[in-house]
């Protein structure tokens, strides 16, 4: 139940973003040309369409993963689930500063790691983003 609570809105957001991107991209000239060339609909969709909509989807997934980590505190408190969210709430109640600082450092490290992974995914998905020595 807590995982469903955290993931349901995020999954619906990513699905709507993907759907809107696919609907917009399907009207592009290169997709029409790929269909006219006789490529299968699956190949057109997976190679030509999804390849071009992955950048915004990866961006939103990275941002939403960060907000999921942030809102897990509320979800753990509501469901009385023992985890880091409950630990931080209990630490705030008793003013346990070292635990609060350690929690915040772990969350910041998670955000930095997520953003690094999103940036690395950009360079893997889009060759225009790659840095090269010239």
Protein backbone atom coordinates (compact mmCIF):
# COMPACT_ATOMS: atom_id res chain seq x y z
CA UNK A 1 0.00 0.00 0.00
CA UNK A 2 2.72 2.61 0.75
CA UNK A 3 4.58 1.78 -2.46
CA UNK A 4 1.36 2.04 -4.44
CA UNK A 5 0.65 5.38 -2.78
CA UNK A 6 4.07 6.72 -3.75
CA UNK A 7 4.15 5.33 -7.28
CA UNK A 8 0.61 5.72 -8.61
CA UNK A 9 0.71 9.45 -9.35
CA UNK A 10 4.27 9.28 -10.71
CA UNK A 11 3.47 6.40 -13.05
CA UNK A 12 0.41 8.18 -14.39
CA UNK A 13 2.47 11.32 -15.01
CA UNK A 14 5.11 9.41 -16.98
CA UNK A 15 2.47 7.54 -18.98
CA UNK A 16 0.68 10.78 -19.90
CA UNK A 17 3.97 12.44 -20.87
CA UNK A 18 4.92 9.45 -23.03
CA UNK A 19 1.50 9.38 -24.66
CA UNK A 20 1.60 13.09 -25.46
CA UNK A 21 5.11 12.76 -26.88
CA UNK A 22 4.14 9.80 -29.04
CA UNK A 23 1.04 11.56 -30.37
CA UNK A 24 3.08 14.62 -31.23
CA UNK A 25 5.96 12.68 -32.79
CA UNK A 26 3.73 10.43 -34.90
CA UNK A 27 2.78 13.46 -36.99
CA UNK A 28 6.39 14.34 -37.85
CA UNK A 29 7.68 14.00 -41.40
CA UNK A 30 10.42 11.48 -40.58
CA UNK A 31 7.84 9.09 -39.11
CA UNK A 32 5.69 9.43 -42.21
CA UNK A 33 8.76 8.80 -44.35
CA UNK A 34 9.67 5.69 -42.31
CA UNK A 35 6.14 4.36 -42.81
CA UNK A 36 6.30 5.14 -46.54
CA UNK A 37 9.58 3.23 -46.74
CA UNK A 38 7.68 0.15 -45.63
CA UNK A 39 9.09 -0.29 -42.12
CA UNK A 40 6.95 -2.27 -39.71
CA UNK A 41 4.80 -0.26 -37.29
CA UNK A 42 6.69 -1.72 -34.33
CA UNK A 43 10.04 -0.62 -35.78
CA UNK A 44 8.71 2.85 -36.51
CA UNK A 45 7.37 3.17 -33.00
CA UNK A 46 10.31 1.75 -31.08
CA UNK A 47 13.18 3.10 -33.18
CA UNK A 48 11.97 6.39 -34.59
CA UNK A 49 9.37 7.58 -32.11
CA UNK A 50 10.57 6.37 -28.70
CA UNK A 51 14.16 7.35 -29.45
CA UNK A 52 13.07 10.96 -29.86
CA UNK A 53 10.78 11.19 -26.84
CA UNK A 54 13.11 9.55 -24.32
CA UNK A 55 14.93 12.78 -23.34
CA UNK A 56 11.88 14.49 -21.77
CA UNK A 57 10.74 11.21 -20.24
CA UNK A 58 14.15 10.61 -18.64
CA UNK A 59 14.13 14.19 -17.32
CA UNK A 60 10.71 13.81 -15.71
CA UNK A 61 11.54 10.38 -14.28
CA UNK A 62 14.69 11.81 -12.66
CA UNK A 63 12.82 14.74 -11.16
CA UNK A 64 9.93 12.60 -9.98
CA UNK A 65 12.27 10.06 -8.40
CA UNK A 66 13.69 12.89 -6.31
CA UNK A 67 10.24 14.02 -5.24
CA UNK A 68 9.31 10.42 -4.44
CA UNK A 69 12.25 10.27 -2.04
CA UNK A 70 11.14 13.55 -0.48
CA UNK A 71 7.49 12.48 -0.06
CA UNK A 72 8.39 9.08 1.33
CA UNK A 73 8.69 10.80 4.72
CA UNK A 74 4.98 11.67 4.65
CA UNK A 75 3.98 8.24 3.36
CA UNK A 76 5.99 6.43 6.04
CA UNK A 77 4.44 8.61 8.71
CA UNK A 78 0.89 8.04 7.49
CA UNK A 79 1.30 4.28 7.17
CA UNK A 80 3.50 3.98 10.30
CA UNK A 81 6.07 2.18 8.18
CA UNK A 82 9.46 1.92 9.90
CA UNK A 83 11.99 3.54 7.61
CA UNK A 84 14.12 6.61 7.13
CA UNK A 85 11.07 8.87 7.05
CA UNK A 86 9.94 7.70 10.45
CA UNK A 87 13.51 8.03 11.70
CA UNK A 88 13.74 11.67 10.60
CA UNK A 89 10.34 12.54 12.11
CA UNK A 90 11.31 10.92 15.43
CA UNK A 91 14.69 12.68 15.33
CA UNK A 92 13.05 16.05 14.73
CA UNK A 93 10.70 15.45 17.66
CA UNK A 94 13.60 14.77 20.07
CA UNK A 95 16.00 17.28 18.43
CA UNK A 96 18.60 14.65 17.55
CA UNK A 97 20.73 16.90 15.32
CA UNK A 98 23.39 14.39 14.19
CA UNK A 99 20.71 12.04 12.84
CA UNK A 100 18.97 14.95 11.07
CA UNK A 101 22.23 16.06 9.44
CA UNK A 102 23.10 12.50 8.42
CA UNK A 103 19.63 12.02 6.90
CA UNK A 104 19.91 15.26 4.94
CA UNK A 105 23.38 14.31 3.69
CA UNK A 106 22.09 10.94 2.48
CA UNK A 107 19.16 12.61 0.69
CA UNK A 108 21.48 15.15 -0.95
CA UNK A 109 23.79 12.34 -2.06
CA UNK A 110 20.79 10.51 -3.55
CA UNK A 111 19.70 13.63 -5.45
CA UNK A 112 23.21 14.18 -6.81
CA UNK A 113 23.45 10.54 -7.89
CA UNK A 114 20.05 10.65 -9.59
CA UNK A 115 20.99 13.84 -11.47
CA UNK A 116 24.31 12.31 -12.51
CA UNK A 117 22.54 9.22 -13.83
CA UNK A 118 20.06 11.39 -15.74
CA UNK A 119 22.94 13.34 -17.31
CA UNK A 120 24.72 10.12 -18.26
CA UNK A 121 21.48 8.82 -19.77
CA UNK A 122 21.27 12.02 -21.84
CA UNK A 123 24.69 11.40 -23.34
CA UNK A 124 23.78 7.79 -24.09
CA UNK A 125 20.43 8.69 -25.69
CA UNK A 126 21.35 11.81 -27.64
CA UNK A 127 24.70 12.04 -29.47
CA UNK A 128 24.42 15.84 -29.65
CA UNK A 129 24.87 16.04 -25.87
CA UNK A 130 28.20 14.18 -25.80
CA UNK A 131 31.28 16.19 -25.00
CA UNK A 132 34.22 15.70 -27.31
CA UNK A 133 37.71 17.17 -27.35
CA UNK A 134 38.23 19.16 -30.53
